[in-house]
N, C-alpha and C. Protein backbone atom coordinates (compact mmCIF):
# COMPACT_ATOMS: atom_id res chain seq x y z
N MET A 1 -39.60 -4.31 -16.73
CA MET A 1 -40.34 -4.29 -15.63
C MET A 1 -39.43 -4.36 -14.46
N GLU A 2 -38.61 -5.18 -14.42
CA GLU A 2 -37.44 -5.08 -13.65
C GLU A 2 -36.94 -3.79 -13.14
N TRP A 3 -36.66 -2.85 -13.78
CA TRP A 3 -36.45 -1.59 -13.32
C TRP A 3 -37.23 -0.87 -12.32
N LEU A 4 -38.69 -1.13 -12.37
CA LEU A 4 -39.80 -0.68 -11.68
C LEU A 4 -39.80 -0.99 -10.27
N SER A 5 -39.45 -2.39 -10.12
CA SER A 5 -39.18 -3.48 -9.06
C SER A 5 -38.03 -2.48 -8.25
N LYS A 6 -36.81 -2.74 -9.07
CA LYS A 6 -35.63 -1.87 -8.56
C LYS A 6 -36.18 -0.46 -7.72
N PHE A 7 -36.68 0.38 -8.63
CA PHE A 7 -36.99 1.49 -8.15
C PHE A 7 -37.76 1.57 -6.75
N TRP A 8 -38.70 0.61 -6.71
CA TRP A 8 -39.44 0.68 -5.46
C TRP A 8 -38.81 0.25 -4.09
N THR A 9 -37.64 -0.68 -4.35
CA THR A 9 -36.88 -1.49 -3.50
C THR A 9 -36.16 -0.49 -2.82
N THR A 10 -35.64 0.41 -3.82
CA THR A 10 -34.54 1.52 -3.32
C THR A 10 -34.87 2.77 -2.65
N LEU A 11 -36.31 2.81 -2.92
CA LEU A 11 -36.84 3.97 -2.33
C LEU A 11 -37.02 3.98 -1.02
N SER A 12 -36.75 5.43 -0.29
CA SER A 12 -36.66 5.61 1.16
C SER A 12 -37.89 6.35 1.60
N TRP A 13 -38.14 6.33 2.91
CA TRP A 13 -39.18 7.18 3.26
C TRP A 13 -39.01 8.72 3.31
N GLY A 14 -37.54 9.06 3.33
CA GLY A 14 -37.28 10.42 3.51
C GLY A 14 -37.43 10.77 1.65
N GLN A 15 -37.46 9.99 0.76
CA GLN A 15 -37.30 10.52 -0.48
C GLN A 15 -38.99 10.81 -0.76
N ILE A 16 -39.67 9.76 -0.19
CA ILE A 16 -41.41 9.68 -0.46
C ILE A 16 -41.88 10.97 0.16
N GLY A 17 -41.13 11.13 1.45
CA GLY A 17 -41.72 12.58 2.03
C GLY A 17 -41.18 13.61 1.22
N LEU A 18 -40.06 13.81 0.87
CA LEU A 18 -39.68 15.16 0.10
C LEU A 18 -40.52 15.03 -1.10
N GLY A 19 -41.08 14.04 -1.99
CA GLY A 19 -41.75 14.06 -2.94
C GLY A 19 -43.21 14.64 -2.75
N VAL A 20 -43.85 13.78 -1.57
CA VAL A 20 -44.91 14.34 -0.91
C VAL A 20 -44.99 16.00 -0.72
N GLY A 21 -43.80 16.34 -0.08
CA GLY A 21 -43.75 17.76 0.58
C GLY A 21 -43.62 18.91 -0.83
N LEU A 22 -42.92 18.34 -1.84
CA LEU A 22 -42.55 19.11 -2.92
C LEU A 22 -44.04 19.17 -3.59
N PHE A 23 -44.74 18.30 -3.90
CA PHE A 23 -45.90 18.02 -4.46
C PHE A 23 -46.98 19.08 -4.03
N PHE A 24 -46.93 18.93 -2.27
CA PHE A 24 -48.20 19.76 -1.56
C PHE A 24 -47.54 21.42 -1.69
N LEU A 25 -46.25 21.83 -1.93
CA LEU A 25 -45.62 22.98 -1.91
C LEU A 25 -45.89 23.59 -3.23
N SER A 26 -45.84 22.54 -4.28
CA SER A 26 -46.18 22.96 -5.51
C SER A 26 -47.85 23.37 -5.87
N LEU A 27 -48.77 22.44 -5.38
CA LEU A 27 -49.92 22.52 -5.34
C LEU A 27 -50.75 24.15 -4.68
N GLY A 28 -49.87 24.20 -3.33
CA GLY A 28 -50.12 25.45 -2.72
C GLY A 28 -49.94 26.71 -3.55
N PHE A 29 -48.29 26.88 -4.16
CA PHE A 29 -48.04 27.76 -4.96
C PHE A 29 -49.04 28.20 -6.33
N SER A 30 -49.40 26.83 -6.79
CA SER A 30 -50.41 26.80 -7.62
C SER A 30 -51.71 27.51 -7.18
N PHE A 31 -52.28 27.32 -6.22
CA PHE A 31 -53.79 27.96 -5.58
C PHE A 31 -53.50 29.09 -5.34
N LEU A 32 -52.45 29.57 -4.65
CA LEU A 32 -52.05 31.09 -4.52
C LEU A 32 -52.01 31.85 -5.78
N SER A 33 -51.15 31.23 -6.86
CA SER A 33 -51.12 32.30 -7.82
C SER A 33 -52.53 32.34 -8.59
N ILE A 34 -53.38 31.36 -8.59
CA ILE A 34 -54.34 31.49 -9.22
C ILE A 34 -55.53 32.39 -8.45
N GLY A 35 -55.41 32.35 -7.29
CA GLY A 35 -56.06 33.33 -6.26
C GLY A 35 -55.83 35.22 -6.79
N ILE A 36 -54.60 35.53 -6.66
CA ILE A 36 -53.90 36.41 -6.96
C ILE A 36 -54.52 36.63 -8.17
N VAL A 37 -54.22 36.12 -9.40
CA VAL A 37 -54.56 36.54 -10.80
C VAL A 37 -55.70 36.86 -10.92
N ILE A 38 -56.72 36.12 -10.44
CA ILE A 38 -58.16 35.95 -10.77
C ILE A 38 -58.82 36.92 -10.01
N VAL A 39 -58.17 37.17 -8.76
CA VAL A 39 -58.90 38.43 -8.18
C VAL A 39 -58.40 39.72 -8.44
N LYS A 40 -57.13 39.95 -9.03
CA LYS A 40 -56.58 41.31 -9.63
C LYS A 40 -56.92 41.29 -11.04
N VAL A 41 -57.35 40.70 -11.66
CA VAL A 41 -57.59 40.81 -13.06
C VAL A 41 -58.89 41.68 -13.29
N PRO A 42 -58.86 42.81 -14.12
CA PRO A 42 -60.03 43.59 -14.12
C PRO A 42 -61.19 42.98 -14.71
N GLU A 43 -62.43 43.42 -14.00
CA GLU A 43 -63.56 42.63 -14.73
C GLU A 43 -63.79 42.66 -16.01
N ASN A 44 -63.58 43.42 -16.56
CA ASN A 44 -63.95 43.53 -18.25
C ASN A 44 -62.71 42.95 -19.02
N TYR A 45 -61.80 42.30 -18.30
CA TYR A 45 -60.54 41.94 -18.89
C TYR A 45 -61.20 40.81 -19.91
N PHE A 46 -62.17 40.08 -19.93
CA PHE A 46 -62.53 39.00 -21.16
C PHE A 46 -63.62 39.80 -21.99
N SER A 47 -63.50 40.99 -22.08
CA SER A 47 -64.52 41.60 -22.80
C SER A 47 -63.55 42.12 -24.16
N SER A 48 -64.31 42.38 -25.20
CA SER A 48 -63.67 42.69 -26.46
C SER A 48 -63.59 44.23 -26.36
N HIS A 49 -63.85 44.75 -25.53
CA HIS A 49 -63.44 46.43 -25.00
C HIS A 49 -62.54 46.73 -24.35
N TYR A 50 -61.68 45.54 -23.66
CA TYR A 50 -60.44 45.89 -22.80
C TYR A 50 -59.70 46.30 -23.44
N GLU A 51 -58.96 47.59 -23.13
CA GLU A 51 -57.70 48.16 -23.89
C GLU A 51 -56.65 47.70 -22.57
N ARG A 52 -55.59 47.37 -23.05
CA ARG A 52 -54.09 46.97 -22.30
C ARG A 52 -53.37 48.26 -22.24
N ASP A 53 -52.86 48.59 -20.89
CA ASP A 53 -51.95 48.85 -20.79
C ASP A 53 -51.04 48.46 -19.75
N PHE A 54 -49.67 47.86 -19.82
CA PHE A 54 -49.14 47.22 -18.54
C PHE A 54 -48.30 48.38 -18.29
N LEU A 55 -48.01 48.50 -16.92
CA LEU A 55 -47.25 49.38 -16.33
C LEU A 55 -47.17 51.06 -16.98
N PRO A 56 -48.42 51.78 -16.90
CA PRO A 56 -48.09 52.77 -17.73
C PRO A 56 -47.33 53.82 -16.92
N GLY A 57 -46.53 54.47 -17.76
CA GLY A 57 -45.56 55.57 -17.25
C GLY A 57 -44.41 55.00 -16.31
N SER A 58 -44.13 53.54 -16.53
CA SER A 58 -42.67 53.34 -15.97
C SER A 58 -41.79 53.45 -17.09
N PRO A 59 -40.40 53.37 -16.47
CA PRO A 59 -39.43 53.10 -17.48
C PRO A 59 -39.37 52.11 -18.32
N PHE A 60 -38.49 52.09 -19.60
CA PHE A 60 -38.64 51.23 -20.57
C PHE A 60 -37.95 49.98 -19.95
N LEU A 61 -36.86 49.80 -19.32
CA LEU A 61 -36.10 48.75 -18.76
C LEU A 61 -37.07 47.90 -17.86
N ILE A 62 -37.83 48.67 -16.80
CA ILE A 62 -38.23 48.08 -15.96
C ILE A 62 -39.76 47.39 -16.49
N ARG A 63 -40.44 48.14 -17.46
CA ARG A 63 -41.56 47.66 -17.93
C ARG A 63 -41.04 46.20 -19.14
N TRP A 64 -40.17 46.33 -19.60
CA TRP A 64 -39.70 45.08 -20.21
C TRP A 64 -39.02 44.08 -19.40
N GLY A 65 -38.38 44.22 -18.10
CA GLY A 65 -38.13 43.20 -17.44
C GLY A 65 -39.37 42.68 -16.76
N VAL A 66 -40.44 43.31 -16.43
CA VAL A 66 -41.42 42.50 -15.60
C VAL A 66 -42.29 41.99 -16.76
N VAL A 67 -42.45 42.46 -18.05
CA VAL A 67 -42.77 41.81 -18.96
C VAL A 67 -42.32 40.39 -19.20
N ILE A 68 -41.01 40.18 -19.28
CA ILE A 68 -40.28 38.94 -19.46
C ILE A 68 -40.45 38.17 -18.29
N LEU A 69 -40.52 38.63 -17.03
CA LEU A 69 -40.67 37.77 -15.86
C LEU A 69 -42.09 37.28 -15.68
N LYS A 70 -43.08 38.33 -16.02
CA LYS A 70 -44.33 37.82 -16.18
C LYS A 70 -44.68 36.85 -17.08
N ASN A 71 -44.01 36.86 -18.39
CA ASN A 71 -44.32 35.73 -19.43
C ASN A 71 -43.64 34.47 -19.12
N ILE A 72 -42.57 34.59 -18.33
CA ILE A 72 -42.10 33.14 -17.88
C ILE A 72 -42.79 32.64 -16.79
N PHE A 73 -43.30 33.44 -15.55
CA PHE A 73 -44.19 32.73 -14.74
C PHE A 73 -45.66 32.24 -15.30
N GLY A 74 -46.18 32.82 -16.44
CA GLY A 74 -47.14 32.31 -17.34
C GLY A 74 -47.02 31.08 -17.83
N VAL A 75 -45.63 31.03 -18.45
CA VAL A 75 -45.45 29.74 -19.16
C VAL A 75 -45.38 28.54 -18.01
N ILE A 76 -44.75 28.93 -16.77
CA ILE A 76 -44.73 27.85 -15.81
C ILE A 76 -46.08 27.36 -15.37
N LEU A 77 -46.97 28.11 -15.31
CA LEU A 77 -48.38 27.98 -14.72
C LEU A 77 -49.04 27.43 -15.76
N VAL A 78 -48.82 27.25 -16.89
CA VAL A 78 -49.50 26.73 -18.30
C VAL A 78 -48.98 24.92 -17.89
N LEU A 79 -47.57 25.12 -17.85
CA LEU A 79 -47.16 23.68 -17.95
C LEU A 79 -47.62 22.85 -16.25
N ILE A 80 -47.95 23.63 -15.28
CA ILE A 80 -48.19 23.16 -14.26
C ILE A 80 -49.66 22.63 -14.33
N GLY A 81 -50.36 23.57 -14.95
CA GLY A 81 -51.96 23.37 -15.21
C GLY A 81 -51.92 22.02 -15.86
N ILE A 82 -51.13 22.17 -17.32
CA ILE A 82 -51.51 20.70 -17.86
C ILE A 82 -51.14 19.52 -17.04
N VAL A 83 -49.86 19.64 -16.05
CA VAL A 83 -49.98 18.27 -15.45
C VAL A 83 -51.07 17.99 -14.25
N LEU A 84 -51.55 19.33 -13.78
CA LEU A 84 -52.75 19.12 -12.87
C LEU A 84 -53.94 18.76 -13.80
N SER A 85 -54.01 18.81 -14.94
CA SER A 85 -55.15 18.36 -15.96
C SER A 85 -55.30 16.77 -16.14
N LEU A 86 -53.81 16.26 -15.95
CA LEU A 86 -53.93 14.47 -16.26
C LEU A 86 -54.77 14.12 -15.28
N PRO A 87 -55.55 12.83 -15.55
CA PRO A 87 -56.08 11.88 -14.57
C PRO A 87 -55.25 11.56 -13.52
N GLY A 88 -55.93 11.88 -12.52
CA GLY A 88 -55.07 10.89 -11.14
C GLY A 88 -54.40 12.29 -10.33
N VAL A 89 -54.24 13.31 -11.12
CA VAL A 89 -53.38 14.35 -10.16
C VAL A 89 -54.35 15.27 -9.75
N PRO A 90 -54.44 15.55 -8.42
CA PRO A 90 -55.52 16.73 -7.88
C PRO A 90 -55.05 17.91 -8.09
N GLY A 91 -55.78 18.84 -8.41
CA GLY A 91 -55.68 20.15 -8.52
C GLY A 91 -56.33 20.87 -9.33
N GLN A 92 -56.65 22.17 -9.65
CA GLN A 92 -57.31 23.09 -10.74
C GLN A 92 -56.39 23.30 -11.80
N GLY A 93 -56.39 22.33 -12.59
CA GLY A 93 -55.69 22.42 -14.03
C GLY A 93 -56.17 23.57 -14.98
N ILE A 94 -57.30 23.39 -15.32
CA ILE A 94 -58.34 24.39 -16.14
C ILE A 94 -57.78 25.80 -15.54
N LEU A 95 -58.10 25.99 -14.54
CA LEU A 95 -57.87 27.54 -13.71
C LEU A 95 -56.23 27.69 -13.88
N THR A 96 -55.39 26.93 -13.39
CA THR A 96 -54.08 27.20 -13.57
C THR A 96 -53.70 27.41 -15.09
N ILE A 97 -54.19 26.79 -16.15
CA ILE A 97 -53.93 27.01 -17.46
C ILE A 97 -54.37 28.48 -17.79
N LEU A 98 -55.57 28.85 -17.28
CA LEU A 98 -56.16 30.07 -17.61
C LEU A 98 -55.42 30.93 -16.97
N THR A 99 -55.07 31.09 -15.72
CA THR A 99 -54.20 31.99 -15.34
C THR A 99 -52.81 32.18 -15.96
N GLY A 100 -52.38 31.08 -16.44
CA GLY A 100 -51.05 31.37 -17.00
C GLY A 100 -51.13 31.83 -18.38
N LEU A 101 -52.35 31.62 -18.94
CA LEU A 101 -52.51 32.33 -20.30
C LEU A 101 -52.94 33.89 -20.09
N ILE A 102 -53.54 34.11 -19.09
CA ILE A 102 -53.76 35.67 -18.90
C ILE A 102 -52.38 36.29 -18.75
N MET A 103 -51.45 35.68 -18.10
CA MET A 103 -50.08 36.24 -17.83
C MET A 103 -49.16 36.45 -19.33
N ILE A 104 -49.34 35.25 -19.89
CA ILE A 104 -48.46 35.31 -20.86
C ILE A 104 -48.73 36.49 -22.32
N ASP A 105 -47.88 37.10 -22.79
CA ASP A 105 -48.38 37.76 -23.94
C ASP A 105 -47.88 37.05 -25.34
N ILE A 106 -49.22 36.27 -26.06
CA ILE A 106 -48.81 35.88 -27.06
C ILE A 106 -50.26 36.14 -28.15
N PRO A 107 -49.94 36.14 -29.26
CA PRO A 107 -51.19 36.57 -30.03
C PRO A 107 -52.06 35.23 -30.45
N GLY A 108 -53.36 35.63 -30.61
CA GLY A 108 -54.26 34.66 -30.56
C GLY A 108 -54.57 34.03 -29.26
N LYS A 109 -54.43 34.48 -28.01
CA LYS A 109 -54.39 34.02 -26.77
C LYS A 109 -56.00 34.44 -26.33
N ARG A 110 -56.67 35.28 -27.09
CA ARG A 110 -57.88 35.45 -26.33
C ARG A 110 -58.90 34.57 -26.69
N PRO A 111 -58.92 33.78 -27.72
CA PRO A 111 -60.21 32.94 -27.85
C PRO A 111 -59.82 31.61 -26.95
N TRP A 112 -58.52 31.26 -26.72
CA TRP A 112 -58.35 30.10 -25.65
C TRP A 112 -58.97 30.77 -24.26
N GLU A 113 -58.61 31.67 -24.18
CA GLU A 113 -58.89 32.37 -22.88
C GLU A 113 -60.54 32.26 -22.59
N ALA A 114 -61.32 32.86 -23.69
CA ALA A 114 -62.59 32.73 -23.68
C ALA A 114 -63.25 31.40 -23.62
N ARG A 115 -62.61 30.57 -24.24
CA ARG A 115 -62.98 29.04 -24.25
C ARG A 115 -63.42 28.37 -22.98
N ILE A 116 -62.36 28.66 -22.41
CA ILE A 116 -61.96 28.53 -20.87
C ILE A 116 -62.82 28.80 -19.98
N ILE A 117 -62.97 30.32 -20.01
CA ILE A 117 -63.66 31.05 -18.92
C ILE A 117 -65.10 30.97 -19.16
N LYS A 118 -65.41 30.62 -20.42
CA LYS A 118 -67.06 30.27 -20.57
C LYS A 118 -67.83 29.42 -20.22
N ARG A 119 -66.76 28.31 -19.64
CA ARG A 119 -67.31 27.06 -19.18
C ARG A 119 -67.95 27.34 -18.07
N PRO A 120 -69.39 27.10 -17.60
CA PRO A 120 -70.05 27.53 -16.43
C PRO A 120 -69.47 27.31 -15.25
N VAL A 121 -68.95 26.01 -14.81
CA VAL A 121 -68.02 25.86 -13.59
C VAL A 121 -67.06 26.93 -13.51
N VAL A 122 -66.12 26.98 -14.24
CA VAL A 122 -65.35 27.80 -14.35
C VAL A 122 -65.73 29.25 -13.78
N LEU A 123 -66.63 29.69 -14.91
CA LEU A 123 -67.14 31.23 -14.53
C LEU A 123 -67.47 31.06 -12.94
N ALA A 124 -68.41 30.10 -12.68
CA ALA A 124 -68.92 30.32 -11.24
C ALA A 124 -67.76 30.32 -10.18
N ALA A 125 -66.67 29.43 -10.35
CA ALA A 125 -65.82 29.48 -9.36
C ALA A 125 -65.03 30.55 -9.30
N VAL A 126 -64.72 31.14 -10.48
CA VAL A 126 -64.12 32.65 -10.70
C VAL A 126 -64.37 33.32 -9.97
N ASN A 127 -65.99 33.91 -10.21
CA ASN A 127 -66.74 34.69 -9.72
C ASN A 127 -67.10 34.56 -7.96
N ASN A 128 -67.08 33.58 -7.80
CA ASN A 128 -67.02 33.25 -6.49
C ASN A 128 -65.97 33.88 -5.66
N LEU A 129 -64.68 33.51 -6.28
CA LEU A 129 -63.57 33.75 -5.86
C LEU A 129 -63.40 35.23 -5.65
N ARG A 130 -63.73 35.78 -6.74
CA ARG A 130 -63.78 37.57 -6.94
C ARG A 130 -64.78 38.14 -5.78
N ALA A 131 -65.90 37.37 -5.77
CA ALA A 131 -67.09 37.81 -4.37
C ALA A 131 -66.23 38.01 -3.21
N LYS A 132 -65.47 36.97 -2.73
CA LYS A 132 -65.32 36.61 -1.56
C LYS A 132 -64.15 38.00 -1.17
N TYR A 133 -63.69 38.43 -2.34
CA TYR A 133 -62.89 39.67 -2.03
C TYR A 133 -63.41 41.15 -2.43
N ASN A 134 -64.41 41.17 -2.59
CA ASN A 134 -65.44 42.47 -2.96
C ASN A 134 -65.08 42.72 -4.29
N LYS A 135 -64.86 42.04 -5.24
CA LYS A 135 -64.46 42.11 -6.64
C LYS A 135 -65.78 41.97 -7.34
N PRO A 136 -66.17 42.87 -8.49
CA PRO A 136 -67.05 42.62 -9.50
C PRO A 136 -66.91 41.29 -10.34
N PRO A 137 -68.14 40.82 -10.42
CA PRO A 137 -68.10 39.59 -11.44
C PRO A 137 -67.55 39.87 -12.66
N LEU A 138 -66.89 38.96 -13.77
CA LEU A 138 -66.16 39.11 -14.90
C LEU A 138 -67.49 39.63 -15.79
N ILE A 139 -67.30 40.40 -16.87
CA ILE A 139 -67.90 40.76 -17.57
C ILE A 139 -67.60 39.67 -18.77
N LEU A 140 -68.34 39.25 -19.37
CA LEU A 140 -68.11 38.63 -20.91
C LEU A 140 -68.78 39.28 -22.06
N ASP A 141 -68.31 38.95 -23.11
CA ASP A 141 -68.83 39.25 -24.47
C ASP A 141 -69.97 38.41 -24.87
């Protein structure tokens, strides 16, 4: 317990300000990412009839480069979402995890996405955001 006492006594106002600033920066980045992905996802994305074709007609290297970057970004969002889901941490953890899962290309992710998006509170929040940008509501099976 002595190390905790030392930690608090050596902490400066500049370090606290930096920590708070980084927190709000990452929170804003998370909200922006959530908004962009939720608005851009096709309305039938969660339907079983949705056919994926990522960057059709693009050269092979560009397509795979973007796929790799998209997956890295998706993993980062899932990790941020897990942290935001912890008690006492403000933020939209569930929506951030959903956004990250949408971006990641892994087998078996559809059931996880469906479990999250079918929650009435989550679906209402997503459809309200989509309505603000004149996008149709999501179609679920």
